[in-house]
Amino acid sequence: MQNNPILDNQILAVISKEQYQALFANLENVSLISGQVIYKLHQKIDHVYFPLHSMISLVSVLKNKATTEIGLIGNEGFVGLPVFLGGNYATSDTIVQISDSAMRLEAKIFKEESHRAGKLQKILLLYTQARITQISQNAVCKCHHPINNQFACWLLYAHDCVNQDELPLTQQFIAQMLGVRRATVTLIAQKFQEKGIIRYARGNITILNRDLLESNACECYDFVKSEFSRLLNFT
């Protein structure tokens, strides 16, 4: 029996196909490439995306071109939340960070289906609460926790997004997402490698010991993960 890719996205996996025929009949499996810009700030959203094993960042870009990641989305969620909330326009740059695939749906169809009272709407409301929690906790983390703890948290989030140990990520990219200098990330990565937590080579970071990585993360990772699990019953 052929695997159903829809089941790889945790939101789609818990929605009744029978109840939402219009949604499932119009889903399209698309490939996403690292560096691909899905939306630019203030761009009208024509499609929403449900990642399967890709990783997508919501990135804030300042006038001086400094960047900071404000959200990280993998197969636990979807990209295009403003459509559900009624705003319809992107509130940040939305960029693919790890290539793979996603299920794509026209924003008009998604809006019609998600605004019907029922299980889909309930799941999306709970997902919105969980996403707000993640963004809020990220702000707290950046203000109060050491960068080595933030680095560990970020790698854990990335690991969860794609569900694989090898992450095709450069130190320069991670520095941009965390809003710090590359030299800072390089120093932390070296220390983590010496401890046997990760291996870094040629633009790839491999998670060697997840338990040790979790022990080096601050409380934010467990808090955000527990909220997603509590609200959406994701294990």
Protein backbone atom coordinates (compact mmCIF):
# COMPACT_ATOMS: atom_id res chain seq x y z
CA MET A 1 0.00 0.00 0.00
CA GLN A 2 1.47 3.36 -1.05
CA ASN A 3 2.13 5.86 1.72
CA ASN A 4 -0.19 8.87 1.86
CA PRO A 5 1.97 12.03 2.00
CA ILE A 6 -0.88 13.94 3.64
CA LEU A 7 -0.29 11.93 6.81
CA ASP A 8 3.21 13.42 7.09
CA ASN A 9 1.71 16.77 8.06
CA GLN A 10 0.29 16.61 11.56
CA ILE A 11 -2.61 19.00 10.95
CA LEU A 12 -3.79 17.27 7.78
CA ALA A 13 -3.38 13.88 9.43
CA VAL A 14 -6.03 14.60 12.07
CA ILE A 15 -8.63 16.18 9.78
CA SER A 16 -11.43 13.98 8.46
CA LYS A 17 -11.09 13.58 4.69
CA GLU A 18 -14.77 12.73 4.44
CA GLN A 19 -15.77 15.95 6.19
CA TYR A 20 -13.52 18.19 4.11
CA GLN A 21 -13.64 16.76 0.60
CA ALA A 22 -13.18 20.20 -1.00
CA LEU A 23 -9.95 20.75 0.90
CA PHE A 24 -8.40 17.36 0.20
CA ALA A 25 -9.50 17.26 -3.43
CA ASN A 26 -7.58 20.48 -4.12
CA LEU A 27 -4.33 19.77 -2.25
CA GLU A 28 -1.28 19.73 -4.51
CA ASN A 29 2.06 18.11 -3.65
CA VAL A 30 4.84 20.61 -4.48
CA SER A 31 8.61 20.63 -4.09
CA LEU A 32 10.20 23.41 -2.04
CA ILE A 33 13.80 24.46 -2.60
CA SER A 34 16.15 25.91 0.02
CA GLY A 35 16.23 29.69 -0.31
CA GLN A 36 12.85 29.84 -2.04
CA VAL A 37 10.82 32.86 -0.94
CA ILE A 38 7.22 31.77 -0.52
CA TYR A 39 5.95 35.21 0.47
CA LYS A 40 7.52 38.61 0.87
CA LEU A 41 6.38 41.04 3.55
CA HIS A 42 3.00 42.58 2.63
CA GLN A 43 2.54 40.21 -0.31
CA LYS A 44 -0.99 38.90 -0.84
CA ILE A 45 -1.13 35.20 0.01
CA ASP A 46 -2.46 33.12 -2.89
CA HIS A 47 -1.65 29.67 -1.44
CA VAL A 48 -1.16 28.12 1.97
CA TYR A 49 1.42 25.35 2.50
CA PHE A 50 1.44 22.31 4.77
CA PRO A 51 5.11 21.18 5.04
CA LEU A 52 5.84 17.45 4.93
CA HIS A 53 9.58 17.29 5.66
CA SER A 54 10.65 20.79 4.64
CA MET A 55 11.48 23.60 7.07
CA ILE A 56 10.22 27.14 6.61
CA SER A 57 11.19 30.31 8.49
CA LEU A 58 9.25 33.49 9.14
CA VAL A 59 11.94 36.16 8.96
CA SER A 60 11.85 39.81 9.98
CA VAL A 61 14.16 42.05 7.94
CA LEU A 62 15.06 45.52 9.22
CA LYS A 63 15.92 48.54 7.08
CA ASN A 64 19.62 47.90 7.66
CA LYS A 65 19.10 44.36 6.25
CA ALA A 66 19.59 42.72 9.66
CA THR A 67 17.49 39.56 9.94
CA THR A 68 15.94 37.63 12.80
CA GLU A 69 13.76 34.56 12.64
CA ILE A 70 10.44 35.01 14.42
CA GLY A 71 8.94 31.61 13.66
CA LEU A 72 9.95 28.16 12.44
CA ILE A 73 7.43 25.86 10.77
CA GLY A 74 7.68 22.20 9.90
CA ASN A 75 5.26 19.31 9.59
CA GLU A 76 3.49 20.29 12.82
CA GLY A 77 1.75 23.19 11.09
CA PHE A 78 1.13 25.26 8.00
CA VAL A 79 2.28 28.48 6.35
CA GLY A 80 -0.29 31.16 5.57
CA LEU A 81 -1.85 31.87 8.96
CA PRO A 82 -2.96 35.41 7.94
CA VAL A 83 -5.46 33.82 5.52
CA PHE A 84 -7.18 32.00 8.38
CA LEU A 85 -7.11 35.13 10.54
CA GLY A 86 -8.56 37.27 7.75
CA GLY A 87 -5.56 39.52 7.03
CA ASN A 88 -4.66 37.78 3.74
CA TYR A 89 -1.24 39.46 3.46
CA ALA A 90 2.13 38.17 4.69
CA THR A 91 3.41 39.83 7.87
CA SER A 92 7.03 38.75 7.31
CA ASP A 93 9.28 37.22 4.70
CA THR A 94 8.60 33.48 4.49
CA ILE A 95 11.59 31.46 3.30
CA VAL A 96 12.29 27.76 2.75
CA GLN A 97 15.35 26.75 4.79
CA ILE A 98 15.45 22.97 4.24
CA SER A 99 14.28 21.54 0.91
CA ASP A 100 11.63 18.88 0.60
CA SER A 101 7.93 18.99 -0.17
CA ALA A 102 4.64 20.39 1.03
CA MET A 103 0.95 20.15 0.27
CA ARG A 104 -0.26 23.39 -1.30
CA LEU A 105 -3.81 24.72 -1.33
CA GLU A 106 -5.36 27.82 -2.89
CA ALA A 107 -5.95 30.46 -0.24
CA LYS A 108 -9.55 31.00 -1.36
CA ILE A 109 -10.46 27.32 -0.85
CA PHE A 110 -8.60 27.17 2.46
CA LYS A 111 -10.41 30.27 3.73
CA GLU A 112 -13.83 28.91 2.77
CA GLU A 113 -13.20 25.53 4.43
CA SER A 114 -11.48 26.89 7.54
CA HIS A 115 -14.27 29.36 8.26
CA ARG A 116 -16.88 26.62 8.50
CA ALA A 117 -17.65 25.64 12.06
CA GLY A 118 -16.22 22.19 12.73
CA LYS A 119 -13.08 20.20 13.50
CA LEU A 120 -10.85 21.99 10.99
CA GLN A 121 -11.65 25.41 12.41
CA LYS A 122 -11.11 24.17 15.97
CA ILE A 123 -7.72 22.67 15.09
CA LEU A 124 -6.62 25.87 13.35
CA LEU A 125 -7.68 28.02 16.30
CA LEU A 126 -5.66 25.83 18.67
CA TYR A 127 -2.73 25.87 16.25
CA THR A 128 -2.88 29.67 16.19
CA GLN A 129 -2.67 29.74 19.98
CA ALA A 130 0.30 27.37 19.92
CA ARG A 131 2.08 29.46 17.26
CA ILE A 132 1.53 32.67 19.26
CA THR A 133 3.01 30.89 22.27
CA GLN A 134 6.10 29.94 20.25
CA ILE A 135 6.64 33.47 18.94
CA SER A 136 6.12 34.98 22.40
CA GLN A 137 8.50 32.51 24.03
CA ASN A 138 11.13 33.19 21.37
CA ALA A 139 11.00 36.88 22.31
CA VAL A 140 11.48 36.00 25.99
CA CYS A 141 14.31 33.61 25.12
CA LYS A 142 16.24 36.19 23.09
CA CYS A 143 16.05 38.69 25.97
CA HIS A 144 16.91 36.43 28.90
CA HIS A 145 18.78 33.28 27.88
CA PRO A 146 22.41 32.79 26.83
CA ILE A 147 23.05 32.31 23.14
CA ASN A 148 24.35 28.75 23.64
CA ASN A 149 20.95 27.79 25.09
CA GLN A 150 19.18 29.52 22.19
CA PHE A 151 21.39 27.65 19.73
CA ALA A 152 20.45 24.31 21.31
CA CYS A 153 16.74 25.21 21.28
CA TRP A 154 16.89 26.23 17.64
CA LEU A 155 18.57 22.98 16.59
CA LEU A 156 15.90 21.03 18.46
CA TYR A 157 13.13 22.91 16.67
CA ALA A 158 14.84 22.26 13.33
CA HIS A 159 15.30 18.58 14.18
CA ASP A 160 11.59 18.29 14.98
CA CYS A 161 10.61 20.07 11.75
CA VAL A 162 12.30 17.64 9.38
CA ASN A 163 12.56 14.54 11.59
CA GLN A 164 16.09 13.70 10.48
CA ASP A 165 19.48 13.94 12.19
CA GLU A 166 21.35 15.57 9.31
CA LEU A 167 20.46 19.23 8.82
CA PRO A 168 21.80 21.02 5.72
CA LEU A 169 22.45 24.31 7.50
CA THR A 170 25.40 26.69 7.51
CA GLN A 171 26.67 28.55 10.55
CA GLN A 172 26.14 31.81 8.68
CA PHE A 173 22.48 30.99 8.16
CA ILE A 174 21.95 30.03 11.81
CA ALA A 175 23.64 33.27 12.89
CA GLN A 176 21.22 35.25 10.73
CA MET A 177 18.23 33.43 12.19
CA LEU A 178 19.41 33.99 15.77
CA GLY A 179 20.40 37.59 15.08
CA VAL A 180 24.03 37.19 16.17
CA ARG A 181 27.49 37.25 14.58
CA ARG A 182 28.70 34.17 12.69
CA ALA A 183 31.78 34.00 14.93
CA THR A 184 29.50 33.51 17.93
CA VAL A 185 27.75 30.55 16.32
CA THR A 186 31.08 29.09 15.17
CA LEU A 187 32.42 29.14 18.73
CA ILE A 188 29.29 27.51 20.16
CA ALA A 189 29.19 24.88 17.40
CA GLN A 190 32.82 23.98 18.12
CA LYS A 191 32.04 23.49 21.82
CA PHE A 192 29.00 21.35 21.02
CA GLN A 193 31.09 19.27 18.64
CA GLU A 194 33.78 18.75 21.28
CA LYS A 195 31.08 17.48 23.68
CA GLY A 196 29.83 14.99 21.09
CA ILE A 197 26.46 16.70 20.73
CA ILE A 198 26.74 17.56 17.03
CA ARG A 199 29.05 17.10 14.07
CA TYR A 200 29.58 19.98 11.69
CA ALA A 201 31.10 19.65 8.23
CA ARG A 202 30.59 21.26 4.81
CA GLY A 203 27.42 23.13 5.60
CA ASN A 204 25.77 20.23 7.39
CA ILE A 205 25.03 19.82 11.08
CA THR A 206 24.35 16.29 12.29
CA ILE A 207 22.65 15.71 15.63
CA LEU A 208 24.72 13.00 17.37
CA ASN A 209 23.16 13.04 20.83
CA ARG A 210 19.68 14.52 21.17
CA ASP A 211 19.55 13.97 24.93
CA LEU A 212 22.69 16.05 25.41
CA LEU A 213 21.30 18.70 23.06
CA GLU A 214 18.13 18.91 25.15
CA SER A 215 20.17 19.22 28.34
CA ASN A 216 21.93 22.24 26.84
CA ALA A 217 18.70 23.96 25.84
CA CYS A 218 16.85 26.39 28.08
CA GLU A 219 13.32 25.85 29.41
CA CYS A 220 11.80 27.44 26.28
CA TYR A 221 12.03 24.32 24.13
CA ASP A 222 10.15 22.09 26.58
CA PHE A 223 7.58 24.81 27.23
CA VAL A 224 6.77 25.36 23.56
CA LYS A 225 6.78 21.64 22.76
CA SER A 226 4.45 20.87 25.68
CA GLU A 227 2.03 23.59 24.55
CA PHE A 228 1.85 22.17 21.04
CA SER A 229 1.25 18.71 22.50
CA ARG A 230 -1.36 19.96 24.98
CA LEU A 231 -3.32 21.98 22.45
CA LEU A 232 -3.06 19.70 19.43
CA ASN A 233 -2.34 16.29 20.96
CA PHE A 234 0.85 15.98 18.92
CA THR A 235 3.15 13.32 20.34
